[in-house]
Amino acid sequence: MDLSHQSNQPQSTDPLGGGSKQTKTLSLTRILLLCGAIAGPLFILTVLIQDYTRPAFNPRLQPLSLLSLGEWGWVQIVNFVLAGVLNLLYAGGLWRKLHPGRAGTWGPLLIGAYGLGLISVGVFRTDPANGFPPGAIASTGPSWHGVIHALGGLFIFVVLAAALTVFVRLFLARKERWWAFYCMASVVLILLFFFGGINNAVLMARFLRLATLVGWMAASVIAIKLLCAPDTPQQTRAH
């Protein structure tokens, strides 16, 4: 028996296929983070297309939630719900990427809450307002689903701002100060835009769009950042 020949044969260092399992786990994490990366741009692109293709809709005067009404309202309803689902998947990717480290608990929970809020404002539509949709009779008071939609909008922006604050701490801990500054600036702008135009219908329509642009894109940019970041030794062992 040629023992020297046997000793030269390559030995498997992973008889149970752990390396393959780890690769699949990392791939799933990246797919979930990718959902977050595309959620914001896809939502905003869909809104922009509707802004200039929906008859009688004026994006400078009418809030984007009104796109959920009328014959083509289903497009914006799907847009809200799809963005919510993508962010729920993103939350799962954050959990796998960051937990149990810094931002590994509250980051995913708050992004998940943000996703649920988007689904809720898609399911519970706003009331007709500002002459849209054409021919609709504006109610004298808000409907029950209009109230839920409004509260859902408040919830979305508050929890998203809270999530970005969690990421401020994450990037400060990693000594990535410019990323921390970007997240903190996004928080300030989101809250400033959301509450700054709340008493003026025209300002509200414009400021809500700016708050949406800043907030939705910040969440997606962080997903892209984490996609490009190497896995830490702790995360690799956890997987």
Protein backbone atom coordinates (compact mmCIF):
# COMPACT_ATOMS: atom_id res chain seq x y z
CA MET A 1 0.00 0.00 0.00
CA ASP A 2 1.41 3.36 -1.03
CA LEU A 3 0.97 5.38 2.15
CA SER A 4 2.99 8.27 0.79
CA HIS A 5 0.59 8.53 -2.14
CA GLN A 6 -2.40 8.63 0.19
CA SER A 7 -0.82 11.28 2.35
CA ASN A 8 -0.41 13.51 -0.69
CA GLN A 9 -4.10 13.37 -1.62
CA PRO A 10 -6.01 16.62 -0.90
CA GLN A 11 -7.88 16.33 2.35
CA SER A 12 -11.34 17.82 2.78
CA THR A 13 -11.32 20.46 5.46
CA ASP A 14 -15.09 20.75 5.40
CA PRO A 15 -16.60 17.24 5.35
CA LEU A 16 -20.07 18.52 6.27
CA GLY A 17 -20.21 21.12 3.52
CA GLY A 18 -20.07 24.05 5.92
CA GLY A 19 -18.25 26.24 3.41
CA SER A 20 -21.01 25.77 0.86
CA LYS A 21 -23.63 26.54 3.49
CA GLN A 22 -21.79 29.69 4.54
CA THR A 23 -21.57 30.84 0.91
CA LYS A 24 -25.29 30.33 0.45
CA THR A 25 -25.99 32.23 3.68
CA LEU A 26 -23.84 35.16 2.58
CA SER A 27 -25.50 35.14 -0.83
CA LEU A 28 -28.95 35.29 0.79
CA THR A 29 -27.82 38.20 2.95
CA ARG A 30 -26.65 40.08 -0.12
CA ILE A 31 -29.92 39.41 -1.93
CA LEU A 32 -31.89 40.79 1.02
CA LEU A 33 -29.70 43.88 1.21
CA LEU A 34 -30.11 44.32 -2.55
CA CYS A 35 -33.87 44.55 -1.96
CA GLY A 36 -33.19 47.59 0.22
CA ALA A 37 -30.83 49.06 -2.36
CA ILE A 38 -33.48 49.06 -5.09
CA ALA A 39 -36.51 49.90 -2.92
CA GLY A 40 -35.97 53.66 -2.76
CA PRO A 41 -34.94 54.36 -6.37
CA LEU A 42 -37.72 52.13 -7.73
CA PHE A 43 -40.36 53.89 -5.63
CA ILE A 44 -39.17 57.36 -6.61
CA LEU A 45 -38.87 56.48 -10.30
CA THR A 46 -42.43 55.11 -10.31
CA VAL A 47 -43.73 58.29 -8.68
CA LEU A 48 -41.88 60.51 -11.16
CA ILE A 49 -43.32 58.62 -14.12
CA GLN A 50 -46.83 59.03 -12.71
CA ASP A 51 -46.22 62.72 -11.95
CA TYR A 52 -46.00 63.48 -15.65
CA THR A 53 -48.31 60.85 -17.10
CA ARG A 54 -51.37 61.01 -14.85
CA PRO A 55 -53.97 63.37 -16.35
CA ALA A 56 -54.82 66.43 -14.21
CA PHE A 57 -52.18 65.60 -11.61
CA ASN A 58 -49.90 68.47 -10.57
CA PRO A 59 -46.93 67.28 -8.48
CA ARG A 60 -46.22 70.85 -7.34
CA LEU A 61 -49.64 71.18 -5.73
CA GLN A 62 -50.83 67.68 -4.91
CA PRO A 63 -49.24 65.19 -2.48
CA LEU A 64 -47.98 61.97 -4.01
CA SER A 65 -50.44 59.93 -1.91
CA LEU A 66 -53.23 61.20 -4.18
CA LEU A 67 -51.73 59.07 -6.94
CA SER A 68 -53.40 56.12 -5.18
CA LEU A 69 -56.79 57.43 -6.29
CA GLY A 70 -58.55 57.31 -9.64
CA GLU A 71 -58.48 54.85 -12.51
CA TRP A 72 -54.72 54.35 -12.36
CA GLY A 73 -54.51 54.51 -8.58
CA TRP A 74 -53.60 50.83 -8.40
CA VAL A 75 -50.14 51.70 -9.74
CA GLN A 76 -49.27 53.79 -6.70
CA ILE A 77 -50.93 51.29 -4.36
CA VAL A 78 -48.66 48.58 -5.76
CA ASN A 79 -45.73 51.00 -5.51
CA PHE A 80 -46.36 51.54 -1.79
CA VAL A 81 -46.86 47.86 -1.06
CA LEU A 82 -43.87 46.71 -3.12
CA ALA A 83 -41.61 49.26 -1.42
CA GLY A 84 -42.87 47.99 1.92
CA VAL A 85 -42.18 44.35 1.07
CA LEU A 86 -38.71 45.18 -0.25
CA ASN A 87 -37.88 47.02 2.97
CA LEU A 88 -39.13 44.11 5.07
CA LEU A 89 -36.72 41.88 3.16
CA TYR A 90 -34.04 44.55 3.64
CA ALA A 91 -34.65 44.38 7.39
CA GLY A 92 -33.94 40.65 7.25
CA GLY A 93 -30.69 41.35 5.44
CA LEU A 94 -29.71 43.95 8.07
CA TRP A 95 -30.35 41.43 10.82
CA ARG A 96 -28.15 38.85 9.13
CA LYS A 97 -25.44 41.40 8.33
CA LEU A 98 -25.26 43.31 11.62
CA HIS A 99 -26.73 41.21 14.42
CA PRO A 100 -25.61 40.83 17.20
CA GLY A 101 -23.31 43.82 16.75
CA ARG A 102 -24.03 47.52 16.92
CA ALA A 103 -27.26 48.51 15.12
CA GLY A 104 -27.95 44.81 14.62
CA THR A 105 -31.21 44.86 16.58
CA TRP A 106 -32.79 48.29 16.33
CA GLY A 107 -31.67 48.89 12.76
CA PRO A 108 -33.56 45.90 11.36
CA LEU A 109 -36.57 46.43 13.64
CA LEU A 110 -37.01 50.07 12.63
CA ILE A 111 -36.47 49.40 8.92
CA GLY A 112 -39.01 46.57 9.22
CA ALA A 113 -41.47 48.97 10.86
CA TYR A 114 -40.84 51.42 8.03
CA GLY A 115 -41.70 48.67 5.54
CA LEU A 116 -44.91 47.81 7.38
CA GLY A 117 -45.85 51.48 7.38
CA LEU A 118 -45.44 51.65 3.61
CA ILE A 119 -47.71 48.65 3.18
CA SER A 120 -50.33 50.23 5.45
CA VAL A 121 -50.47 53.51 3.50
CA GLY A 122 -50.86 51.49 0.32
CA VAL A 123 -53.75 49.47 1.70
CA PHE A 124 -55.50 52.40 3.40
CA ARG A 125 -55.81 55.13 0.79
CA THR A 126 -55.96 58.86 1.37
CA ASP A 127 -59.07 60.94 0.64
CA PRO A 128 -59.60 63.02 -2.53
CA ALA A 129 -58.23 66.55 -2.17
CA ASN A 130 -57.09 69.57 -4.18
CA GLY A 131 -59.29 68.63 -7.13
CA PHE A 132 -57.81 65.16 -7.58
CA PRO A 133 -58.91 62.80 -8.92
CA PRO A 134 -61.00 64.81 -11.39
CA GLY A 135 -64.71 64.64 -10.66
CA ALA A 136 -64.28 63.32 -7.12
CA ILE A 137 -66.29 65.06 -4.43
CA ALA A 138 -64.12 66.14 -1.51
CA SER A 139 -65.55 64.96 1.79
CA THR A 140 -66.29 67.40 4.58
CA GLY A 141 -64.20 65.36 6.97
CA PRO A 142 -61.55 62.66 6.77
CA SER A 143 -62.65 59.06 6.28
CA TRP A 144 -61.47 56.29 8.59
CA HIS A 145 -59.04 55.01 5.97
CA GLY A 146 -57.86 58.55 5.30
CA VAL A 147 -57.03 58.93 9.00
CA ILE A 148 -55.12 55.64 9.00
CA HIS A 149 -53.23 56.77 5.91
CA ALA A 150 -52.27 60.07 7.52
CA LEU A 151 -51.15 58.40 10.75
CA GLY A 152 -49.27 55.84 8.68
CA GLY A 153 -47.40 58.62 6.90
CA LEU A 154 -46.39 60.17 10.23
CA PHE A 155 -45.29 56.76 11.48
CA ILE A 156 -43.19 56.10 8.36
CA PHE A 157 -41.17 59.28 8.56
CA VAL A 158 -40.63 59.07 12.34
CA VAL A 159 -39.43 55.44 12.34
CA LEU A 160 -37.24 56.04 9.29
CA ALA A 161 -35.63 59.00 11.04
CA ALA A 162 -35.11 56.80 14.11
CA ALA A 163 -33.54 54.07 11.96
CA LEU A 164 -31.12 56.53 10.40
CA THR A 165 -30.17 57.73 13.89
CA VAL A 166 -29.26 54.14 14.76
CA PHE A 167 -27.02 54.05 11.69
CA VAL A 168 -25.37 57.28 12.83
CA ARG A 169 -24.17 55.38 15.90
CA LEU A 170 -23.06 52.45 13.76
CA PHE A 171 -20.88 54.58 11.50
CA LEU A 172 -19.46 56.57 14.40
CA ALA A 173 -18.43 53.31 16.04
CA ARG A 174 -16.74 52.32 12.77
CA LYS A 175 -15.07 55.75 12.63
CA GLU A 176 -16.78 56.48 9.31
CA ARG A 177 -17.67 60.03 10.22
CA TRP A 178 -18.78 61.17 6.79
CA TRP A 179 -21.33 58.37 6.66
CA ALA A 180 -22.50 59.28 10.15
CA PHE A 181 -22.83 62.92 9.04
CA TYR A 182 -24.82 61.86 5.96
CA CYS A 183 -27.26 59.86 8.09
CA MET A 184 -27.63 62.66 10.64
CA ALA A 185 -28.17 65.29 7.93
CA SER A 186 -30.82 63.04 6.39
CA VAL A 187 -32.61 62.78 9.74
CA VAL A 188 -32.67 66.57 10.13
CA LEU A 189 -33.92 67.13 6.58
CA ILE A 190 -36.61 64.45 6.84
CA LEU A 191 -38.08 65.94 10.01
CA LEU A 192 -37.67 69.53 8.77
CA PHE A 193 -39.44 68.83 5.48
CA PHE A 194 -42.16 66.65 6.97
CA PHE A 195 -43.19 69.01 9.75
CA GLY A 196 -42.18 72.25 8.03
CA GLY A 197 -45.03 72.28 5.51
CA ILE A 198 -47.71 70.61 7.57
CA ASN A 199 -49.84 73.78 7.85
CA ASN A 200 -49.65 74.80 4.18
CA ALA A 201 -51.15 72.58 1.48
CA VAL A 202 -48.82 73.75 -1.29
CA LEU A 203 -45.70 73.55 0.85
CA MET A 204 -46.81 70.19 2.21
CA ALA A 205 -47.04 68.67 -1.28
CA ARG A 206 -43.54 69.86 -2.14
CA PHE A 207 -41.90 69.23 1.22
CA LEU A 208 -43.31 65.71 1.50
CA ARG A 209 -41.70 64.88 -1.83
CA LEU A 210 -38.38 66.22 -0.62
CA ALA A 211 -38.67 64.28 2.64
CA THR A 212 -39.48 61.15 0.65
CA LEU A 213 -36.54 61.68 -1.69
CA VAL A 214 -34.10 62.23 1.18
CA GLY A 215 -35.40 59.43 3.40
CA TRP A 216 -36.08 56.70 0.86
CA MET A 217 -32.71 57.26 -0.83
CA ALA A 218 -30.82 57.33 2.48
CA ALA A 219 -32.19 53.91 3.40
CA SER A 220 -31.18 52.54 0.00
CA VAL A 221 -27.73 54.17 0.02
CA ILE A 222 -27.00 52.52 3.39
CA ALA A 223 -28.01 49.17 1.88
CA ILE A 224 -25.54 49.77 -0.96
CA LYS A 225 -22.86 50.73 1.57
CA LEU A 226 -23.38 47.51 3.52
CA LEU A 227 -23.41 45.47 0.32
CA CYS A 228 -19.95 46.79 -0.48
CA ALA A 229 -18.60 46.33 3.05
CA PRO A 230 -16.60 43.16 3.77
CA ASP A 231 -17.94 40.73 6.34
CA THR A 232 -16.38 40.96 9.76
CA PRO A 233 -14.78 37.90 11.37
CA GLN A 234 -17.55 37.91 13.99
CA GLN A 235 -20.25 37.91 11.34
CA THR A 236 -18.56 35.11 9.39
CA ARG A 237 -18.37 32.95 12.48
CA ALA A 238 -22.01 33.72 13.33
CA HIS A 239 -23.10 32.59 9.87
